[in-house]
């Protein structure tokens, strides 16, 4: 059960990190760059994507038969 909750927290935190990084980062750099999707590049949001992947790995580990 601990792995399930760890997975929930990692996926939820990763999605929030990616969303806030994309929205707030691009908004503050709007004057410097004209590209509106600059904050959504994988280079800028890789920590959030790693958190989501780790959460999915926790879900799979919890679902594996012992």
Protein backbone atom coordinates (compact mmCIF):
# COMPACT_ATOMS: atom_id res chain seq x y z
CA UNK A 1 0.00 0.00 0.00
CA UNK A 2 2.96 2.28 0.66
CA UNK A 3 4.09 1.94 -2.97
CA UNK A 4 0.65 2.94 -4.21
CA UNK A 5 0.66 6.12 -2.14
CA UNK A 6 4.22 6.92 -3.17
CA UNK A 7 3.15 6.46 -6.79
CA UNK A 8 0.15 8.74 -6.33
CA UNK A 9 2.31 11.47 -4.80
CA UNK A 10 4.98 11.16 -7.49
CA UNK A 11 2.51 11.25 -10.39
CA UNK A 12 0.51 14.11 -8.89
CA UNK A 13 3.64 16.09 -8.03
CA UNK A 14 5.14 15.47 -11.47
CA UNK A 15 2.03 16.64 -13.27
CA UNK A 16 1.81 19.75 -11.10
CA UNK A 17 5.49 20.52 -11.57
CA UNK A 18 5.21 20.16 -15.34
CA UNK A 19 2.07 22.30 -15.50
CA UNK A 20 3.44 25.08 -13.31
CA UNK A 21 6.80 25.05 -15.05
CA UNK A 22 5.11 25.37 -18.42
CA UNK A 23 2.66 28.08 -17.40
CA UNK A 24 4.71 30.25 -15.10
CA UNK A 25 8.07 29.80 -16.78
CA UNK A 26 6.78 30.77 -20.21
CA UNK A 27 4.83 33.68 -18.79
CA UNK A 28 7.89 35.25 -17.19
CA UNK A 29 10.04 34.69 -20.28
CA UNK A 30 7.41 36.07 -22.66
CA UNK A 31 9.33 39.29 -23.19
CA UNK A 32 12.57 37.50 -23.97
CA UNK A 33 11.24 34.76 -26.24
CA UNK A 34 8.38 34.88 -28.67
CA UNK A 35 7.86 31.11 -28.66
CA UNK A 36 4.74 30.47 -26.54
CA UNK A 37 5.52 26.77 -26.03
CA UNK A 38 9.07 27.33 -24.73
CA UNK A 39 8.09 26.29 -21.21
CA UNK A 40 6.71 22.95 -22.37
CA UNK A 41 9.89 21.55 -23.87
CA UNK A 42 11.16 18.26 -22.39
CA UNK A 43 14.43 19.99 -21.57
CA UNK A 44 12.61 22.40 -19.24
CA UNK A 45 10.24 19.88 -17.66
CA UNK A 46 12.38 16.75 -17.34
CA UNK A 47 12.17 16.60 -13.52
CA UNK A 48 8.38 16.41 -13.71
CA UNK A 49 8.52 13.73 -16.38
CA UNK A 50 10.96 11.70 -14.25
CA UNK A 51 8.60 12.00 -11.27
CA UNK A 52 5.68 10.73 -13.35
CA UNK A 53 7.78 7.82 -14.63
CA UNK A 54 8.87 6.94 -11.08
CA UNK A 55 5.24 7.04 -9.94
CA UNK A 56 4.25 4.66 -12.74
CA UNK A 57 7.11 2.37 -11.74
CA UNK A 58 5.76 2.37 -8.16
CA UNK A 59 2.30 1.43 -9.45
CA UNK A 60 3.74 -1.42 -11.49
CA UNK A 61 5.83 -2.66 -8.58
CA UNK A 62 2.78 -2.62 -6.29
CA UNK A 63 0.71 -4.52 -8.86
CA UNK A 64 3.32 -7.24 -9.45
CA UNK A 65 2.50 -10.57 -7.81
CA UNK A 66 4.82 -11.52 -5.00
